[in-house]
Amino acid sequence: LPSSSSTASSRPSSLYLAQCPIYCRDPKAASELPVLPKLMKDISIPKHIQHDGVSNINLWVSRGHTRSNLHYDENDNLLCVVEGAKKVLLFPPSSSCGLRPNPIWSPSANHSTVDASSLPKAVLEESLCATVRASQVLYIPEGWWHCVESGVGKDAERTVAVNIWFRAPLCPKHMEAYYLRQLFVVTPELSGVPR
């Protein structure tokens, strides 16, 4: 950070506090221990998420414009914006080939090798875009590729967000009929109905 004697014009145009742990269900290393556990008293876990399914809760703070690289998470994600706004570009898992992921053996296999701004038009046509503002929440399903921009539009000065990573049940009760139907649609021979 600049010293107190620095002028406003010498201040960095953007600063980013990324993934600062508030809660970690099973920290694997000292670096993952919650830094801000006292903030948990201000966070309510939504009723539809089983509390024992929550793996991490993180704080994200930025000043100015910042953008994450294109990646997917191994957990379902609730992105909760507290102040400012975030623009999220989303791609379904079926877009993986066009997003050129790092090799599966790479330490960052869930990251793309390309910048989202340089994707071909055909790949971009598969995307969804959402702007999440203060007091709004966006659900990002496990495996969905996304790139997150902070400091967008009139909310460019400061953005504060909290995300909740959680594991959804493999087959939630309300989705059983859907999954069974999809199984038979994809593999009709299982239904006993000839094509």
Protein backbone atom coordinates (compact mmCIF):
# COMPACT_ATOMS: atom_id res chain seq x y z
CA LEU A 1 0.00 0.00 0.00
CA PRO A 2 1.22 3.56 -0.62
CA SER A 3 2.55 5.51 2.34
CA SER A 4 0.39 8.17 3.98
CA SER A 5 2.52 10.84 2.30
CA SER A 6 1.59 9.56 -1.16
CA THR A 7 -0.66 11.74 -3.25
CA ALA A 8 -4.00 10.54 -4.52
CA SER A 9 -2.61 10.42 -8.06
CA SER A 10 0.08 7.92 -7.02
CA ARG A 11 -2.43 5.50 -5.47
CA PRO A 12 -2.84 2.21 -7.29
CA SER A 13 -5.91 2.22 -9.54
CA SER A 14 -7.11 -1.11 -8.15
CA LEU A 15 -6.60 -3.30 -5.10
CA TYR A 16 -7.96 -6.79 -4.58
CA LEU A 17 -8.41 -8.93 -1.47
CA ALA A 18 -9.29 -12.31 -2.91
CA GLN A 19 -10.71 -15.32 -1.14
CA CYS A 20 -10.01 -14.26 2.46
CA PRO A 21 -11.36 -17.15 4.59
CA ILE A 22 -14.14 -16.43 7.06
CA TYR A 23 -14.99 -20.12 7.56
CA CYS A 24 -13.25 -23.34 6.48
CA ARG A 25 -14.93 -26.62 7.28
CA ASP A 26 -11.80 -28.70 6.90
CA PRO A 27 -8.66 -26.56 6.57
CA LYS A 28 -5.86 -28.60 4.98
CA ALA A 29 -3.10 -26.13 5.74
CA ALA A 30 -2.42 -23.23 8.05
CA SER A 31 -2.81 -20.90 5.05
CA GLU A 32 -6.48 -21.91 4.82
CA LEU A 33 -7.35 -21.21 8.46
CA PRO A 34 -10.11 -18.62 8.79
CA VAL A 35 -8.62 -15.14 9.01
CA LEU A 36 -11.89 -13.42 9.88
CA PRO A 37 -13.93 -15.96 11.89
CA LYS A 38 -15.72 -13.19 13.85
CA LEU A 39 -17.59 -12.25 10.67
CA MET A 40 -19.47 -15.58 10.83
CA LYS A 41 -21.93 -14.05 13.32
CA ASP A 42 -23.05 -11.70 10.52
CA ILE A 43 -23.61 -14.49 7.98
CA SER A 44 -26.73 -16.62 7.75
CA ILE A 45 -26.55 -19.90 5.88
CA PRO A 46 -29.62 -20.19 3.61
CA LYS A 47 -32.11 -22.85 4.72
CA HIS A 48 -31.81 -24.87 1.50
CA ILE A 49 -28.10 -25.48 2.17
CA GLN A 50 -27.30 -28.14 4.72
CA HIS A 51 -24.88 -26.47 7.15
CA ASP A 52 -22.62 -29.54 7.17
CA GLY A 53 -22.36 -29.20 3.38
CA VAL A 54 -20.72 -25.75 3.60
CA SER A 55 -17.02 -26.09 2.82
CA ASN A 56 -15.82 -22.46 2.77
CA ILE A 57 -17.07 -18.92 3.23
CA ASN A 58 -14.80 -16.20 1.84
CA LEU A 59 -14.61 -12.42 1.78
CA TRP A 60 -13.73 -10.62 -1.48
CA VAL A 61 -12.97 -6.87 -1.48
CA SER A 62 -11.79 -4.74 -4.38
CA ARG A 63 -11.18 -1.11 -5.16
CA GLY A 64 -11.39 -0.16 -8.80
CA HIS A 65 -11.71 -2.61 -11.66
CA THR A 66 -10.57 -6.21 -11.15
CA ARG A 67 -11.27 -9.41 -13.08
CA SER A 68 -10.70 -13.06 -12.23
CA ASN A 69 -9.43 -15.50 -14.77
CA LEU A 70 -11.84 -17.94 -16.38
CA HIS A 71 -12.28 -20.98 -14.11
CA TYR A 72 -14.78 -23.36 -12.53
CA ASP A 73 -15.19 -24.39 -8.89
CA GLU A 74 -15.53 -27.90 -7.50
CA ASN A 75 -18.39 -26.78 -5.26
CA ASP A 76 -21.71 -25.06 -5.74
CA ASN A 77 -21.31 -21.35 -5.05
CA LEU A 78 -23.51 -18.55 -3.74
CA LEU A 79 -21.98 -15.19 -4.66
CA CYS A 80 -23.44 -12.54 -2.32
CA VAL A 81 -22.64 -8.91 -3.11
CA VAL A 82 -22.64 -6.64 -0.06
CA GLU A 83 -21.52 -3.39 -1.70
CA GLY A 84 -20.88 -2.38 -5.31
CA ALA A 85 -21.47 -4.78 -8.19
CA LYS A 86 -19.93 -7.78 -9.91
CA LYS A 87 -20.40 -8.80 -13.52
CA VAL A 88 -20.28 -12.58 -14.00
CA LEU A 89 -19.77 -14.31 -17.34
CA LEU A 90 -20.94 -17.95 -17.11
CA PHE A 91 -20.42 -20.97 -19.37
CA PRO A 92 -22.01 -24.41 -18.91
CA PRO A 93 -19.73 -27.43 -18.38
CA SER A 94 -20.50 -28.48 -21.97
CA SER A 95 -18.41 -25.48 -23.16
CA SER A 96 -15.20 -26.90 -21.64
CA CYS A 97 -13.50 -27.83 -24.92
CA GLY A 98 -13.95 -24.34 -26.38
CA LEU A 99 -12.61 -22.75 -23.18
CA ARG A 100 -9.28 -24.60 -23.45
CA PRO A 101 -8.79 -25.73 -19.84
CA ASN A 102 -5.35 -26.40 -18.42
CA PRO A 103 -4.29 -30.06 -18.62
CA ILE A 104 -6.01 -32.33 -16.09
CA TRP A 105 -2.65 -33.06 -14.40
CA SER A 106 -1.92 -29.35 -13.92
CA PRO A 107 -2.17 -27.86 -10.41
CA SER A 108 -4.81 -25.48 -11.80
CA ALA A 109 -6.78 -27.87 -14.00
CA ASN A 110 -9.96 -25.90 -13.26
CA HIS A 111 -8.58 -22.77 -14.98
CA SER A 112 -8.69 -21.83 -18.65
CA THR A 113 -5.60 -21.09 -20.70
CA VAL A 114 -7.37 -18.21 -22.48
CA ASP A 115 -8.61 -14.81 -21.40
CA ALA A 116 -12.40 -14.50 -21.51
CA SER A 117 -12.13 -11.32 -23.58
CA SER A 118 -10.38 -13.21 -26.40
CA LEU A 119 -12.86 -16.07 -26.80
CA PRO A 120 -14.29 -16.75 -30.27
CA LYS A 121 -17.83 -15.57 -30.96
CA ALA A 122 -19.12 -19.15 -31.24
CA VAL A 123 -17.97 -19.91 -27.68
CA LEU A 124 -19.30 -16.61 -26.33
CA GLU A 125 -22.74 -17.45 -27.74
CA GLU A 126 -22.93 -20.27 -25.16
CA SER A 127 -22.43 -17.84 -22.27
CA LEU A 128 -24.77 -16.15 -19.84
CA CYS A 129 -23.98 -12.79 -18.27
CA ALA A 130 -25.32 -11.43 -14.98
CA THR A 131 -24.64 -8.28 -13.00
CA VAL A 132 -25.01 -8.85 -9.26
CA ARG A 133 -25.54 -5.72 -7.18
CA ALA A 134 -25.57 -5.02 -3.44
CA SER A 135 -28.02 -7.30 -1.56
CA GLN A 136 -28.29 -9.70 -4.54
CA VAL A 137 -27.09 -13.29 -4.75
CA LEU A 138 -26.07 -15.38 -7.76
CA TYR A 139 -25.99 -19.18 -7.67
CA ILE A 140 -23.10 -20.66 -9.68
CA PRO A 141 -23.45 -24.45 -10.02
CA GLU A 142 -20.48 -26.75 -9.55
CA GLY A 143 -18.50 -27.13 -12.77
CA TRP A 144 -19.81 -23.97 -14.45
CA TRP A 145 -17.02 -21.86 -15.90
CA HIS A 146 -17.06 -18.22 -14.86
CA CYS A 147 -15.10 -14.99 -14.97
CA VAL A 148 -15.95 -12.32 -12.38
CA GLU A 149 -15.41 -8.57 -12.82
CA SER A 150 -15.63 -6.13 -9.91
CA GLY A 151 -15.94 -2.38 -10.06
CA VAL A 152 -18.37 -2.23 -12.96
CA GLY A 153 -20.46 0.77 -13.99
CA LYS A 154 -21.41 3.38 -11.40
CA ASP A 155 -20.31 0.97 -8.65
CA ALA A 156 -16.66 1.10 -9.71
CA GLU A 157 -15.13 2.53 -6.52
CA ARG A 158 -15.44 -0.42 -4.10
CA THR A 159 -16.93 -3.90 -4.21
CA VAL A 160 -17.46 -6.16 -1.21
CA ALA A 161 -18.77 -9.70 -1.55
CA VAL A 162 -19.01 -12.95 0.37
CA ASN A 163 -19.22 -16.33 -1.27
CA ILE A 164 -20.40 -19.62 0.19
CA TRP A 165 -19.02 -22.81 -1.33
CA PHE A 166 -21.11 -25.85 -0.52
CA ARG A 167 -21.73 -29.42 -1.60
CA ALA A 168 -25.26 -30.08 -2.73
CA PRO A 169 -26.67 -33.56 -2.20
CA LEU A 170 -25.88 -35.77 -5.20
CA CYS A 171 -29.57 -36.15 -5.94
CA PRO A 172 -31.79 -33.73 -4.02
CA LYS A 173 -35.26 -35.18 -3.38
CA HIS A 174 -36.99 -32.52 -5.50
CA MET A 175 -34.75 -33.41 -8.49
CA GLU A 176 -35.23 -37.22 -8.49
CA ALA A 177 -37.94 -37.21 -11.17
CA TYR A 178 -35.89 -34.90 -13.38
CA TYR A 179 -32.73 -37.04 -13.13
CA LEU A 180 -34.66 -40.25 -13.80
CA ARG A 181 -36.32 -38.68 -16.82
CA GLN A 182 -32.96 -37.44 -18.12
CA LEU A 183 -31.47 -40.89 -17.67
CA PHE A 184 -34.22 -42.39 -19.84
CA VAL A 185 -34.05 -39.60 -22.42
CA VAL A 186 -30.30 -40.02 -22.82
CA THR A 187 -30.43 -43.84 -22.70
CA PRO A 188 -33.92 -44.85 -23.94
CA GLU A 189 -33.02 -48.56 -23.96
CA LEU A 190 -33.21 -48.44 -20.14
CA SER A 191 -36.88 -47.49 -20.31
CA GLY A 192 -37.79 -50.59 -22.29
CA VAL A 193 -39.37 -48.40 -24.99
CA PRO A 194 -38.02 -49.15 -28.48
CA ARG A 195 -36.75 -46.25 -30.54
